[in-house]
């Protein structure tokens, strides 16, 4: 099953995506400029093989719901996310707010 729903985070609209798979659930929350995701996100791949895409993303591990993803600290982020003031340990919701700030994006 796939669930896609709008979510309000500190006055900003984002989109939550939940994909139920056998023995796991993929979770992501996206903005126009970036996204956060559960532990399935391969940050090293984004930083190394896809660096030219300048993807703004962060990963939180051990989350099982969209609400947990919003509250969890990010354990890894992309190099591009770091350029926009996002850092490991930042709550998912705080990172999403930074990702909604179009002024910071090229």
N, C-alpha and C. Protein backbone atom coordinates (compact mmCIF):
# COMPACT_ATOMS: atom_id res chain seq x y z
N UNK A 1 0.83 -1.17 0.00
CA UNK A 1 0.00 0.00 0.00
C UNK A 1 0.89 1.25 0.00
N UNK A 2 0.43 2.27 -0.69
CA UNK A 2 1.12 3.55 -0.72
C UNK A 2 0.18 4.62 -0.20
N UNK A 3 0.66 5.39 0.77
CA UNK A 3 -0.12 6.51 1.32
C UNK A 3 0.66 7.78 1.06
N UNK A 4 0.01 8.75 0.45
CA UNK A 4 0.60 10.07 0.20
C UNK A 4 -0.34 11.09 0.83
N UNK A 5 0.22 11.93 1.71
CA UNK A 5 -0.65 12.90 2.37
C UNK A 5 0.09 14.20 2.65
N UNK A 6 -0.65 15.32 2.52
CA UNK A 6 -0.05 16.60 2.88
C UNK A 6 0.10 16.71 4.40
N UNK A 7 1.17 17.34 4.82
CA UNK A 7 1.45 17.53 6.24
C UNK A 7 1.85 18.98 6.44
N UNK A 8 1.39 19.58 7.53
CA UNK A 8 1.85 20.93 7.87
C UNK A 8 2.94 20.81 8.92
N UNK A 9 4.08 21.43 8.64
CA UNK A 9 5.22 21.42 9.56
C UNK A 9 5.61 22.87 9.83
N UNK A 10 5.28 23.33 11.03
CA UNK A 10 5.63 24.69 11.45
C UNK A 10 5.21 25.72 10.41
N UNK A 11 3.98 25.60 9.91
CA UNK A 11 3.43 26.55 8.96
C UNK A 11 3.80 26.31 7.51
N UNK A 12 4.53 25.23 7.22
CA UNK A 12 4.94 24.90 5.85
C UNK A 12 4.26 23.60 5.41
N UNK A 13 3.84 23.55 4.16
CA UNK A 13 3.23 22.34 3.61
C UNK A 13 4.30 21.44 3.01
N UNK A 14 4.29 20.17 3.40
CA UNK A 14 5.19 19.15 2.87
C UNK A 14 4.34 17.93 2.53
N UNK A 15 4.94 16.95 1.90
CA UNK A 15 4.21 15.75 1.51
C UNK A 15 4.83 14.52 2.18
N UNK A 16 4.02 13.76 2.91
CA UNK A 16 4.46 12.52 3.53
C UNK A 16 4.14 11.34 2.63
N UNK A 17 5.07 10.43 2.51
CA UNK A 17 4.90 9.25 1.66
C UNK A 17 5.26 8.02 2.49
N UNK A 18 4.35 7.06 2.50
CA UNK A 18 4.57 5.81 3.22
C UNK A 18 4.31 4.66 2.25
N UNK A 19 5.30 3.80 2.08
CA UNK A 19 5.18 2.66 1.18
C UNK A 19 5.35 1.40 2.01
N UNK A 20 4.29 0.61 2.12
CA UNK A 20 4.33 -0.63 2.87
C UNK A 20 4.81 -1.75 1.96
N UNK A 21 5.91 -2.36 2.35
CA UNK A 21 6.51 -3.48 1.61
C UNK A 21 6.56 -4.69 2.52
N UNK A 22 6.80 -5.88 1.98
CA UNK A 22 6.96 -7.03 2.86
C UNK A 22 8.10 -6.81 3.87
N UNK A 23 7.79 -6.93 5.12
CA UNK A 23 8.75 -6.85 6.22
C UNK A 23 9.37 -5.48 6.44
N UNK A 24 8.91 -4.44 5.76
CA UNK A 24 9.44 -3.09 6.00
C UNK A 24 8.48 -2.04 5.48
N UNK A 25 8.67 -0.82 5.91
CA UNK A 25 7.92 0.32 5.42
C UNK A 25 8.91 1.42 5.07
N UNK A 26 8.81 1.95 3.86
CA UNK A 26 9.64 3.08 3.47
C UNK A 26 8.90 4.36 3.82
N UNK A 27 9.60 5.30 4.43
CA UNK A 27 9.02 6.58 4.82
C UNK A 27 9.82 7.71 4.22
N UNK A 28 9.12 8.71 3.69
CA UNK A 28 9.79 9.90 3.17
C UNK A 28 8.87 11.09 3.37
N UNK A 29 9.47 12.25 3.56
CA UNK A 29 8.74 13.51 3.59
C UNK A 29 9.49 14.46 2.69
N UNK A 30 8.77 15.03 1.73
CA UNK A 30 9.43 15.84 0.71
C UNK A 30 8.92 17.28 0.69
N UNK A 31 9.82 18.15 0.28
CA UNK A 31 9.50 19.56 0.03
C UNK A 31 9.86 19.82 -1.43
N UNK A 32 9.70 21.04 -1.86
CA UNK A 32 10.07 21.39 -3.23
C UNK A 32 11.58 21.27 -3.46
N UNK A 33 12.37 21.43 -2.40
CA UNK A 33 13.83 21.50 -2.56
C UNK A 33 14.61 20.32 -1.99
N UNK A 34 13.96 19.46 -1.23
CA UNK A 34 14.69 18.35 -0.64
C UNK A 34 13.76 17.41 0.10
N UNK A 35 14.36 16.43 0.77
CA UNK A 35 13.54 15.45 1.48
C UNK A 35 14.32 14.79 2.60
N UNK A 36 13.55 14.20 3.52
CA UNK A 36 14.12 13.35 4.55
C UNK A 36 13.49 11.97 4.37
N UNK A 37 14.21 10.95 4.83
CA UNK A 37 13.75 9.59 4.60
C UNK A 37 14.22 8.69 5.73
N UNK A 38 13.63 7.51 5.79
CA UNK A 38 14.03 6.51 6.77
C UNK A 38 15.42 5.95 6.43
N UNK A 39 15.86 4.97 7.18
CA UNK A 39 17.20 4.41 7.03
C UNK A 39 17.50 3.78 5.68
N UNK A 40 16.51 3.58 4.84
CA UNK A 40 16.75 3.00 3.51
C UNK A 40 17.48 3.96 2.57
N UNK A 41 17.54 5.23 2.91
CA UNK A 41 18.18 6.22 2.05
C UNK A 41 19.70 6.04 2.09
N UNK A 42 20.32 5.94 0.93
CA UNK A 42 21.76 5.75 0.81
C UNK A 42 22.44 7.11 0.59
N UNK A 43 22.80 7.76 1.68
CA UNK A 43 23.42 9.08 1.63
C UNK A 43 24.76 9.03 0.90
N UNK A 44 25.54 7.99 1.11
CA UNK A 44 26.84 7.89 0.44
C UNK A 44 26.67 7.87 -1.08
N UNK A 45 25.68 7.16 -1.57
CA UNK A 45 25.40 7.14 -3.00
C UNK A 45 25.08 8.55 -3.51
N UNK A 46 24.26 9.27 -2.77
CA UNK A 46 23.90 10.63 -3.19
C UNK A 46 25.12 11.55 -3.19
N UNK A 47 25.98 11.41 -2.18
CA UNK A 47 27.17 12.26 -2.07
C UNK A 47 28.26 11.90 -3.07
N UNK A 48 28.38 10.63 -3.42
CA UNK A 48 29.48 10.19 -4.27
C UNK A 48 29.07 10.03 -5.73
N UNK A 49 28.15 9.18 -6.01
CA UNK A 49 27.79 8.86 -7.40
C UNK A 49 26.86 9.89 -8.03
N UNK A 50 26.06 10.57 -7.20
CA UNK A 50 25.08 11.52 -7.73
C UNK A 50 25.36 12.96 -7.29
N UNK A 51 26.60 13.24 -6.95
CA UNK A 51 26.99 14.55 -6.40
C UNK A 51 26.58 15.70 -7.31
N UNK A 52 26.68 15.52 -8.62
CA UNK A 52 26.35 16.60 -9.56
C UNK A 52 24.88 17.00 -9.50
N UNK A 53 24.04 16.16 -8.95
CA UNK A 53 22.61 16.50 -8.83
C UNK A 53 22.33 17.45 -7.67
N UNK A 54 23.28 17.58 -6.76
CA UNK A 54 23.15 18.50 -5.62
C UNK A 54 21.86 18.26 -4.84
N UNK A 55 21.65 17.02 -4.44
CA UNK A 55 20.43 16.61 -3.74
C UNK A 55 20.50 17.02 -2.27
N UNK A 56 19.46 17.68 -1.82
CA UNK A 56 19.33 18.08 -0.42
C UNK A 56 18.49 17.01 0.27
N UNK A 57 19.13 16.22 1.14
CA UNK A 57 18.41 15.12 1.78
C UNK A 57 19.04 14.76 3.11
N UNK A 58 18.23 14.13 3.95
CA UNK A 58 18.70 13.64 5.23
C UNK A 58 18.04 12.32 5.56
N UNK A 59 18.70 11.56 6.44
CA UNK A 59 18.21 10.23 6.81
C UNK A 59 18.11 10.10 8.32
N UNK A 60 17.02 9.49 8.76
CA UNK A 60 16.84 9.15 10.17
C UNK A 60 16.63 7.64 10.26
N UNK A 61 17.28 7.00 11.19
CA UNK A 61 17.16 5.55 11.32
C UNK A 61 16.26 5.19 12.51
N UNK A 62 15.69 3.99 12.44
CA UNK A 62 14.87 3.50 13.54
C UNK A 62 13.47 4.08 13.60
N UNK A 63 13.02 4.71 12.53
CA UNK A 63 11.68 5.29 12.52
C UNK A 63 10.70 4.33 11.86
N UNK A 64 9.47 4.33 12.36
CA UNK A 64 8.45 3.41 11.83
C UNK A 64 7.19 4.14 11.36
N UNK A 65 7.13 5.44 11.62
CA UNK A 65 5.97 6.23 11.20
C UNK A 65 6.43 7.60 10.70
N UNK A 66 5.56 8.27 9.98
CA UNK A 66 5.85 9.63 9.51
C UNK A 66 6.08 10.55 10.71
N UNK A 67 5.29 10.39 11.75
CA UNK A 67 5.42 11.24 12.94
C UNK A 67 6.80 11.04 13.59
N UNK A 68 7.26 9.80 13.64
CA UNK A 68 8.59 9.54 14.19
C UNK A 68 9.67 10.16 13.31
N UNK A 69 9.48 10.12 11.99
CA UNK A 69 10.45 10.72 11.07
C UNK A 69 10.53 12.22 11.30
N UNK A 70 9.42 12.86 11.57
CA UNK A 70 9.42 14.30 11.85
C UNK A 70 10.19 14.62 13.13
N UNK A 71 10.08 13.77 14.13
CA UNK A 71 10.69 14.04 15.45
C UNK A 71 12.11 13.51 15.60
N UNK A 72 12.51 12.59 14.74
CA UNK A 72 13.81 11.93 14.90
C UNK A 72 14.96 12.84 14.49
N UNK A 73 16.11 12.69 15.15
CA UNK A 73 17.30 13.40 14.70
C UNK A 73 17.85 12.74 13.43
N UNK A 74 18.32 13.54 12.50
CA UNK A 74 18.93 13.00 11.29
C UNK A 74 20.30 12.45 11.64
N UNK A 75 20.59 11.26 11.18
CA UNK A 75 21.90 10.68 11.49
C UNK A 75 22.90 10.94 10.37
N UNK A 76 22.41 11.14 9.14
CA UNK A 76 23.28 11.48 8.02
C UNK A 76 22.55 12.46 7.12
N UNK A 77 23.33 13.32 6.45
CA UNK A 77 22.79 14.28 5.50
C UNK A 77 23.69 14.33 4.27
N UNK A 78 23.17 14.86 3.19
CA UNK A 78 24.00 15.02 2.01
C UNK A 78 24.89 16.26 2.17
N UNK A 79 25.93 16.30 1.36
CA UNK A 79 26.81 17.47 1.37
C UNK A 79 26.04 18.73 1.02
N UNK A 80 25.12 18.63 0.08
CA UNK A 80 24.32 19.78 -0.33
C UNK A 80 23.41 20.26 0.81
N UNK A 81 22.87 19.34 1.58
CA UNK A 81 22.03 19.72 2.73
C UNK A 81 22.84 20.53 3.73
N UNK A 82 24.09 20.12 3.94
CA UNK A 82 24.96 20.83 4.87
C UNK A 82 25.17 22.28 4.43
N UNK A 83 25.26 22.51 3.13
CA UNK A 83 25.42 23.87 2.61
C UNK A 83 24.22 24.75 2.89
N UNK A 84 23.08 24.13 3.19
CA UNK A 84 21.85 24.87 3.46
C UNK A 84 21.51 24.92 4.95
N UNK A 85 22.50 24.64 5.80
CA UNK A 85 22.32 24.78 7.23
C UNK A 85 21.69 23.59 7.92
N UNK A 86 21.59 22.48 7.24
CA UNK A 86 21.06 21.26 7.84
C UNK A 86 22.24 20.45 8.35
N UNK A 87 22.10 19.83 9.52
CA UNK A 87 23.22 19.09 10.09
C UNK A 87 22.76 17.82 10.79
N UNK A 88 23.65 16.84 10.92
CA UNK A 88 23.29 15.64 11.67
C UNK A 88 22.87 16.02 13.08
N UNK A 89 21.87 15.33 13.59
CA UNK A 89 21.34 15.62 14.92
C UNK A 89 20.13 16.55 14.88
N UNK A 90 19.95 17.26 13.78
CA UNK A 90 18.80 18.16 13.62
C UNK A 90 17.53 17.32 13.49
N UNK A 91 16.46 17.76 14.15
CA UNK A 91 15.18 17.07 14.02
C UNK A 91 14.70 17.13 12.57
N UNK A 92 14.03 16.07 12.15
CA UNK A 92 13.50 16.02 10.79
C UNK A 92 12.63 17.21 10.46
N UNK A 93 11.76 17.61 11.37
CA UNK A 93 10.87 18.75 11.11
C UNK A 93 11.66 20.04 10.91
N UNK A 94 12.72 20.24 11.67
CA UNK A 94 13.54 21.45 11.51
C UNK A 94 14.27 21.46 10.17
N UNK A 95 14.74 20.30 9.74
CA UNK A 95 15.40 20.20 8.43
C UNK A 95 14.41 20.51 7.31
N UNK A 96 13.18 20.01 7.44
CA UNK A 96 12.16 20.28 6.41
C UNK A 96 11.85 21.76 6.30
N UNK A 97 11.82 22.45 7.42
CA UNK A 97 11.57 23.90 7.39
C UNK A 97 12.68 24.59 6.61
N UNK A 98 13.92 24.20 6.84
CA UNK A 98 15.03 24.79 6.08
C UNK A 98 14.91 24.47 4.60
N UNK A 99 14.41 23.27 4.27
CA UNK A 99 14.25 22.87 2.88
C UNK A 99 13.13 23.62 2.17
N UNK A 100 12.21 24.20 2.91
CA UNK A 100 11.11 24.93 2.28
C UNK A 100 11.47 26.39 2.01
N UNK A 101 12.61 26.82 2.50
CA UNK A 101 13.05 28.20 2.33
C UNK A 101 13.70 28.38 0.96
N UNK A 102 12.91 28.78 -0.02
CA UNK A 102 13.38 28.90 -1.41
C UNK A 102 14.50 29.92 -1.59
N UNK A 103 14.63 30.85 -0.68
CA UNK A 103 15.67 31.89 -0.78
C UNK A 103 17.05 31.26 -0.78
N UNK A 104 17.23 30.14 -0.09
CA UNK A 104 18.52 29.50 0.06
C UNK A 104 18.92 28.60 -1.11
N UNK A 105 18.08 28.46 -2.13
CA UNK A 105 18.35 27.49 -3.17
C UNK A 105 18.68 28.16 -4.50
N UNK A 106 19.61 27.52 -5.21
CA UNK A 106 20.06 28.04 -6.50
C UNK A 106 19.24 27.47 -7.62
